[in-house]
Amino acid sequence: MKVSAAALVALLLVAASVLGTAVPVVSPGFSVSALTDGVPTTCCFTYHQRPIPQRLVISAYVTSSSCSQPGVM
């Protein structure tokens, strides 16, 4: 359980850092996959089905429609 919580915190920190930078950061969970009108698009490649406690969520957004599958970061 502690490992899952640590992984979740790490994922949220990476997502928060991506939102704060102009160029998306490539990590095992998500990557730059396409250019839409010259703007990099971030897509999810791994998914978690369990709900994240609301107190741990700082911000969220839906991935681009150009991604192979929909996701929320």
PDB file of N, CA and C in Angstrom:
ATOM      1  N   MET A   1       0.819  -1.188   0.000  1.00  0.00           N
ATOM      2  CA  MET A   1       0.000   0.000   0.000  1.00  0.00           C
ATOM      3  C   MET A   1       0.865   1.256   0.000  1.00  0.00           C
ATOM      4  N   LYS A   2       1.957   1.247   0.771  1.00  0.00           N
ATOM      5  CA  LYS A   2       2.836   2.411   0.820  1.00  0.00           C
ATOM      6  C   LYS A   2       3.499   2.644  -0.533  1.00  0.00           C
ATOM      7  N   VAL A   3       3.826   1.551  -1.241  1.00  0.00           N
ATOM      8  CA  VAL A   3       4.441   1.679  -2.560  1.00  0.00           C
ATOM      9  C   VAL A   3       3.456   2.322  -3.533  1.00  0.00           C
ATOM     10  N   SER A   4       2.187   1.917  -3.478  1.00  0.00           N
ATOM     11  CA  SER A   4       1.166   2.506  -4.348  1.00  0.00           C
ATOM     12  C   SER A   4       0.995   3.989  -4.057  1.00  0.00           C
ATOM     13  N   ALA A   5       0.986   4.356  -2.801  1.00  0.00           N
ATOM     14  CA  ALA A   5       0.844   5.768  -2.427  1.00  0.00           C
ATOM     15  C   ALA A   5       2.046   6.570  -2.906  1.00  0.00           C
ATOM     16  N   ALA A   6       3.236   6.004  -2.777  1.00  0.00           N
ATOM     17  CA  ALA A   6       4.442   6.699  -3.233  1.00  0.00           C
ATOM     18  C   ALA A   6       4.435   6.857  -4.751  1.00  0.00           C
ATOM     19  N   ALA A   7       3.993   5.832  -5.462  1.00  0.00           N
ATOM     20  CA  ALA A   7       3.914   5.913  -6.919  1.00  0.00           C
ATOM     21  C   ALA A   7       2.890   6.958  -7.344  1.00  0.00           C
ATOM     22  N   LEU A   8       1.783   7.034  -6.652  1.00  0.00           N
ATOM     23  CA  LEU A   8       0.751   8.020  -6.956  1.00  0.00           C
ATOM     24  C   LEU A   8       1.270   9.436  -6.731  1.00  0.00           C
ATOM     25  N   VAL A   9       1.963   9.642  -5.635  1.00  0.00           N
ATOM     26  CA  VAL A   9       2.529  10.963  -5.350  1.00  0.00           C
ATOM     27  C   VAL A   9       3.547  11.333  -6.420  1.00  0.00           C
ATOM     28  N   ALA A  10       4.395  10.384  -6.816  1.00  0.00           N
ATOM     29  CA  ALA A  10       5.381  10.650  -7.863  1.00  0.00           C
ATOM     30  C   ALA A  10       4.697  11.007  -9.175  1.00  0.00           C
ATOM     31  N   LEU A  11       3.639  10.292  -9.524  1.00  0.00           N
ATOM     32  CA  LEU A  11       2.899  10.577 -10.749  1.00  0.00           C
ATOM     33  C   LEU A  11       2.280  11.972 -10.701  1.00  0.00           C
ATOM     34  N   LEU A  12       1.705  12.337  -9.580  1.00  0.00           N
ATOM     35  CA  LEU A  12       1.109  13.667  -9.439  1.00  0.00           C
ATOM     36  C   LEU A  12       2.162  14.767  -9.511  1.00  0.00           C
ATOM     37  N   LEU A  13       3.338  14.530  -8.933  1.00  0.00           N
ATOM     38  CA  LEU A  13       4.406  15.524  -9.012  1.00  0.00           C
ATOM     39  C   LEU A  13       4.892  15.709 -10.443  1.00  0.00           C
ATOM     40  N   VAL A  14       5.017  14.615 -11.183  1.00  0.00           N
ATOM     41  CA  VAL A  14       5.421  14.705 -12.587  1.00  0.00           C
ATOM     42  C   VAL A  14       4.361  15.457 -13.385  1.00  0.00           C
ATOM     43  N   ALA A  15       3.094  15.140 -13.151  1.00  0.00           N
ATOM     44  CA  ALA A  15       2.015  15.835 -13.858  1.00  0.00           C
ATOM     45  C   ALA A  15       2.018  17.318 -13.523  1.00  0.00           C
ATOM     46  N   ALA A  16       2.243  17.659 -12.266  1.00  0.00           N
ATOM     47  CA  ALA A  16       2.283  19.067 -11.867  1.00  0.00           C
ATOM     48  C   ALA A  16       3.455  19.781 -12.516  1.00  0.00           C
ATOM     49  N   SER A  17       4.599  19.109 -12.639  1.00  0.00           N
ATOM     50  CA  SER A  17       5.753  19.749 -13.268  1.00  0.00           C
ATOM     51  C   SER A  17       5.529  19.940 -14.758  1.00  0.00           C
ATOM     52  N   VAL A  18       4.819  19.020 -15.400  1.00  0.00           N
ATOM     53  CA  VAL A  18       4.507  19.163 -16.823  1.00  0.00           C
ATOM     54  C   VAL A  18       3.595  20.362 -17.039  1.00  0.00           C
ATOM     55  N   LEU A  19       2.629  20.553 -16.164  1.00  0.00           N
ATOM     56  CA  LEU A  19       1.710  21.679 -16.298  1.00  0.00           C
ATOM     57  C   LEU A  19       2.425  23.010 -16.112  1.00  0.00           C
ATOM     58  N   GLY A  20       3.534  23.016 -15.405  1.00  0.00           N
ATOM     59  CA  GLY A  20       4.255  24.249 -15.136  1.00  0.00           C
ATOM     60  C   GLY A  20       5.363  24.554 -16.118  1.00  0.00           C
ATOM     61  N   THR A  21       5.587  23.710 -17.126  1.00  0.00           N
ATOM     62  CA  THR A  21       6.654  23.939 -18.090  1.00  0.00           C
ATOM     63  C   THR A  21       6.088  24.097 -19.487  1.00  0.00           C
ATOM     64  N   ALA A  22       6.866  24.753 -20.347  1.00  0.00           N
ATOM     65  CA  ALA A  22       6.419  24.966 -21.720  1.00  0.00           C
ATOM     66  C   ALA A  22       6.580  23.706 -22.565  1.00  0.00           C
ATOM     67  N   VAL A  23       7.580  22.883 -22.252  1.00  0.00           N
ATOM     68  CA  VAL A  23       7.835  21.662 -23.007  1.00  0.00           C
ATOM     69  C   VAL A  23       7.514  20.474 -22.119  1.00  0.00           C
ATOM     70  N   PRO A  24       6.629  19.570 -22.545  1.00  0.00           N
ATOM     71  CA  PRO A  24       6.275  18.411 -21.722  1.00  0.00           C
ATOM     72  C   PRO A  24       7.481  17.533 -21.404  1.00  0.00           C
ATOM     73  N   VAL A  25       7.490  16.980 -20.219  1.00  0.00           N
ATOM     74  CA  VAL A  25       8.546  16.083 -19.771  1.00  0.00           C
ATOM     75  C   VAL A  25       8.161  14.663 -20.135  1.00  0.00           C
ATOM     76  N   VAL A  26       9.110  13.899 -20.688  1.00  0.00           N
ATOM     77  CA  VAL A  26       8.840  12.512 -21.049  1.00  0.00           C
ATOM     78  C   VAL A  26       9.080  11.651 -19.817  1.00  0.00           C
ATOM     79  N   SER A  27       8.117  10.819 -19.473  1.00  0.00           N
ATOM     80  CA  SER A  27       8.259   9.902 -18.344  1.00  0.00           C
ATOM     81  C   SER A  27       7.649   8.565 -18.741  1.00  0.00           C
ATOM     82  N   PRO A  28       7.837   7.508 -17.926  1.00  0.00           N
ATOM     83  CA  PRO A  28       7.289   6.203 -18.285  1.00  0.00           C
ATOM     84  C   PRO A  28       5.773   6.202 -18.448  1.00  0.00           C
ATOM     85  N   GLY A  29       5.046   7.072 -17.757  1.00  0.00           N
ATOM     86  CA  GLY A  29       3.590   7.059 -17.798  1.00  0.00           C
ATOM     87  C   GLY A  29       2.983   7.837 -18.940  1.00  0.00           C
ATOM     88  N   PHE A  30       3.665   8.844 -19.446  1.00  0.00           N
ATOM     89  CA  PHE A  30       3.116   9.633 -20.531  1.00  0.00           C
ATOM     90  C   PHE A  30       4.248  10.241 -21.330  1.00  0.00           C
ATOM     91  N   SER A  31       3.950  10.671 -22.530  1.00  0.00           N
ATOM     92  CA  SER A  31       4.993  11.128 -23.427  1.00  0.00           C
ATOM     93  C   SER A  31       4.421  12.064 -24.471  1.00  0.00           C
ATOM     94  N   VAL A  32       5.306  12.807 -25.113  1.00  0.00           N
ATOM     95  CA  VAL A  32       4.893  13.617 -26.251  1.00  0.00           C
ATOM     96  C   VAL A  32       4.629  12.650 -27.389  1.00  0.00           C
ATOM     97  N   SER A  33       3.409  12.660 -27.948  1.00  0.00           N
ATOM     98  CA  SER A  33       3.093  11.677 -28.979  1.00  0.00           C
ATOM     99  C   SER A  33       2.772  12.296 -30.319  1.00  0.00           C
ATOM    100  N   ALA A  34       2.374  13.551 -30.357  1.00  0.00           N
ATOM    101  CA  ALA A  34       1.956  14.137 -31.620  1.00  0.00           C
ATOM    102  C   ALA A  34       2.128  15.642 -31.573  1.00  0.00           C
ATOM    103  N   LEU A  35       2.235  16.234 -32.742  1.00  0.00           N
ATOM    104  CA  LEU A  35       2.238  17.683 -32.850  1.00  0.00           C
ATOM    105  C   LEU A  35       0.949  18.091 -33.531  1.00  0.00           C
ATOM    106  N   THR A  36       0.167  18.925 -32.883  1.00  0.00           N
ATOM    107  CA  THR A  36      -1.073  19.427 -33.450  1.00  0.00           C
ATOM    108  C   THR A  36      -0.899  20.918 -33.648  1.00  0.00           C
ATOM    109  N   ASP A  37      -0.840  21.351 -34.886  1.00  0.00           N
ATOM    110  CA  ASP A  37      -0.612  22.762 -35.200  1.00  0.00           C
ATOM    111  C   ASP A  37       0.664  23.275 -34.547  1.00  0.00           C
ATOM    112  N   GLY A  38       1.706  22.435 -34.482  1.00  0.00           N
ATOM    113  CA  GLY A  38       2.981  22.842 -33.922  1.00  0.00           C
ATOM    114  C   GLY A  38       3.036  22.842 -32.406  1.00  0.00           C
ATOM    115  N   VAL A  39       1.961  22.421 -31.736  1.00  0.00           N
ATOM    116  CA  VAL A  39       1.921  22.392 -30.274  1.00  0.00           C
ATOM    117  C   VAL A  39       2.071  20.946 -29.809  1.00  0.00           C
ATOM    118  N   PRO A  40       3.051  20.650 -28.933  1.00  0.00           N
ATOM    119  CA  PRO A  40       3.203  19.274 -28.449  1.00  0.00           C
ATOM    120  C   PRO A  40       1.958  18.810 -27.698  1.00  0.00           C
ATOM    121  N   THR A  41       1.617  17.535 -27.862  1.00  0.00           N
ATOM    122  CA  THR A  41       0.458  16.941 -27.206  1.00  0.00           C
ATOM    123  C   THR A  41       0.942  15.873 -26.238  1.00  0.00           C
ATOM    124  N   THR A  42       0.433  15.879 -25.028  1.00  0.00           N
ATOM    125  CA  THR A  42       0.793  14.877 -24.029  1.00  0.00           C
ATOM    126  C   THR A  42      -0.288  13.808 -23.987  1.00  0.00           C
ATOM    127  N   CYS A  43       0.128  12.539 -24.119  1.00  0.00           N
ATOM    128  CA  CYS A  43      -0.811  11.417 -24.125  1.00  0.00           C
ATOM    129  C   CYS A  43      -0.437  10.418 -23.033  1.00  0.00           C
ATOM    130  N   CYS A  44      -1.434   9.711 -22.521  1.00  0.00           N
ATOM    131  CA  CYS A  44      -1.215   8.672 -21.508  1.00  0.00           C
ATOM    132  C   CYS A  44      -0.949   7.331 -22.192  1.00  0.00           C
ATOM    133  N   PHE A  45      -0.026   6.553 -21.638  1.00  0.00           N
ATOM    134  CA  PHE A  45       0.229   5.209 -22.142  1.00  0.00           C
ATOM    135  C   PHE A  45      -0.016   4.159 -21.075  1.00  0.00           C
ATOM    136  N   THR A  46      -0.114   4.566 -19.824  1.00  0.00           N
ATOM    137  CA  THR A  46      -0.492   3.659 -18.744  1.00  0.00           C
ATOM    138  C   THR A  46      -1.648   4.300 -17.992  1.00  0.00           C
ATOM    139  N   TYR A  47      -2.530   3.464 -17.462  1.00  0.00           N
ATOM    140  CA  TYR A  47      -3.745   3.957 -16.828  1.00  0.00           C
ATOM    141  C   TYR A  47      -3.936   3.300 -15.474  1.00  0.00           C
ATOM    142  N   HIS A  48      -4.555   4.018 -14.547  1.00  0.00           N
ATOM    143  CA  HIS A  48      -4.907   3.499 -13.232  1.00  0.00           C
ATOM    144  C   HIS A  48      -6.416   3.577 -13.102  1.00  0.00           C
ATOM    145  N   GLN A  49      -7.042   2.472 -12.740  1.00  0.00           N
ATOM    146  CA  GLN A  49      -8.496   2.402 -12.649  1.00  0.00           C
ATOM    147  C   GLN A  49      -9.029   2.829 -11.283  1.00  0.00           C
ATOM    148  N   ARG A  50      -8.177   2.819 -10.264  1.00  0.00           N
ATOM    149  CA  ARG A  50      -8.638   3.174  -8.919  1.00  0.00           C
ATOM    150  C   ARG A  50      -8.792   4.687  -8.791  1.00  0.00           C
ATOM    151  N   PRO A  51      -9.799   5.130  -8.051  1.00  0.00           N
ATOM    152  CA  PRO A  51      -9.972   6.572  -7.856  1.00  0.00           C
ATOM    153  C   PRO A  51      -8.840   7.165  -7.013  1.00  0.00           C
ATOM    154  N   ILE A  52      -8.468   8.386  -7.320  1.00  0.00           N
ATOM    155  CA  ILE A  52      -7.453   9.111  -6.561  1.00  0.00           C
ATOM    156  C   ILE A  52      -8.188   9.979  -5.540  1.00  0.00           C
ATOM    157  N   PRO A  53      -7.780   9.942  -4.280  1.00  0.00           N
ATOM    158  CA  PRO A  53      -8.443  10.791  -3.282  1.00  0.00           C
ATOM    159  C   PRO A  53      -8.380  12.266  -3.695  1.00  0.00           C
ATOM    160  N   GLN A  54      -9.486  12.953  -3.580  1.00  0.00           N
ATOM    161  CA  GLN A  54      -9.578  14.341  -4.034  1.00  0.00           C
ATOM    162  C   GLN A  54      -8.548  15.233  -3.340  1.00  0.00           C
ATOM    163  N   ARG A  55      -8.200  14.937  -2.106  1.00  0.00           N
ATOM    164  CA  ARG A  55      -7.241  15.768  -1.379  1.00  0.00           C
ATOM    165  C   ARG A  55      -5.842  15.704  -1.996  1.00  0.00           C
ATOM    166  N   LEU A  56      -5.555  14.666  -2.809  1.00  0.00           N
ATOM    167  CA  LEU A  56      -4.254  14.533  -3.454  1.00  0.00           C
ATOM    168  C   LEU A  56      -4.200  15.185  -4.833  1.00  0.00           C
ATOM    169  N   VAL A  57      -5.344  15.553  -5.374  1.00  0.00           N
ATOM    170  CA  VAL A  57      -5.392  16.128  -6.721  1.00  0.00           C
ATOM    171  C   VAL A  57      -5.204  17.635  -6.636  1.00  0.00           C
ATOM    172  N   ILE A  58      -4.179  18.124  -7.316  1.00  0.00           N
ATOM    173  CA  ILE A  58      -3.906  19.560  -7.369  1.00  0.00           C
ATOM    174  C   ILE A  58      -4.616  20.167  -8.569  1.00  0.00           C
ATOM    175  N   SER A  59      -4.507  19.498  -9.711  1.00  0.00           N
ATOM    176  CA  SER A  59      -5.205  19.930 -10.919  1.00  0.00           C
ATOM    177  C   SER A  59      -5.315  18.725 -11.845  1.00  0.00           C
ATOM    178  N   ALA A  60      -6.168  18.835 -12.852  1.00  0.00           N
ATOM    179  CA  ALA A  60      -6.363  17.745 -13.807  1.00  0.00           C
ATOM    180  C   ALA A  60      -6.816  18.318 -15.135  1.00  0.00           C
ATOM    181  N   TYR A  61      -6.516  17.589 -16.217  1.00  0.00           N
ATOM    182  CA  TYR A  61      -7.007  17.980 -17.532  1.00  0.00           C
ATOM    183  C   TYR A  61      -7.153  16.741 -18.396  1.00  0.00           C
ATOM    184  N   VAL A  62      -8.028  16.823 -19.377  1.00  0.00           N
ATOM    185  CA  VAL A  62      -8.270  15.726 -20.313  1.00  0.00           C
ATOM    186  C   VAL A  62      -7.198  15.789 -21.392  1.00  0.00           C
ATOM    187  N   THR A  63      -6.669  14.622 -21.780  1.00  0.00           N
ATOM    188  CA  THR A  63      -5.654  14.591 -22.827  1.00  0.00           C
ATOM    189  C   THR A  63      -6.261  14.957 -24.179  1.00  0.00           C
ATOM    190  N   SER A  64      -5.407  15.220 -25.132  1.00  0.00           N
ATOM    191  CA  SER A  64      -5.826  15.666 -26.458  1.00  0.00           C
ATOM    192  C   SER A  64      -6.615  14.592 -27.203  1.00  0.00           C
ATOM    193  N   SER A  65      -7.483  15.030 -28.089  1.00  0.00           N
ATOM    194  CA  SER A  65      -8.246  14.091 -28.919  1.00  0.00           C
ATOM    195  C   SER A  65      -7.349  13.401 -29.943  1.00  0.00           C
ATOM    196  N   SER A  66      -6.124  13.888 -30.146  1.00  0.00           N
ATOM    197  CA  SER A  66      -5.207  13.233 -31.078  1.00  0.00           C
ATOM    198  C   SER A  66      -4.503  12.030 -30.452  1.00  0.00           C
ATOM    199  N   CYS A  67      -4.691  11.795 -29.149  1.00  0.00           N
ATOM    200  CA  CYS A  67      -4.110  10.624 -28.476  1.00  0.00           C
ATOM    201  C   CYS A  67      -4.888   9.371 -28.867  1.00  0.00           C
ATOM    202  N   SER A  68      -4.231   8.208 -28.781  1.00  0.00           N
ATOM    203  CA  SER A  68      -4.879   6.955 -29.174  1.00  0.00           C
ATOM    204  C   SER A  68      -6.029   6.581 -28.243  1.00  0.00           C
ATOM    205  N   GLN A  69      -5.932   6.934 -26.950  1.00  0.00           N
ATOM    206  CA  GLN A  69      -6.997   6.666 -25.985  1.00  0.00           C
ATOM    207  C   GLN A  69      -7.192   7.903 -25.113  1.00  0.00           C
ATOM    208  N   PRO A  70      -8.424   8.158 -24.666  1.00  0.00           N
ATOM    209  CA  PRO A  70      -8.645   9.310 -23.795  1.00  0.00           C
ATOM    210  C   PRO A  70      -8.055   9.078 -22.410  1.00  0.00           C
ATOM    211  N   GLY A  71      -7.729  10.142 -21.732  1.00  0.00           N
ATOM    212  CA  GLY A  71      -7.200  10.036 -20.381  1.00  0.00           C
ATOM    213  C   GLY A  71      -7.301  11.365 -19.661  1.00  0.00           C
ATOM    214  N   VAL A  72      -7.113  11.315 -18.350  1.00  0.00           N
ATOM    215  CA  VAL A  72      -7.096  12.519 -17.525  1.00  0.00           C
ATOM    216  C   VAL A  72      -5.780  12.535 -16.779  1.00  0.00           C
ATOM    217  N   MET A  73      -5.096  13.647 -16.830  1.00  0.00           N
ATOM    218  CA  MET A  73      -3.830  13.800 -16.110  1.00  0.00           C
ATOM    219  C   MET A  73      -4.048  14.755 -14.975  1.00  0.00           C
TER     220      MET A  73
END
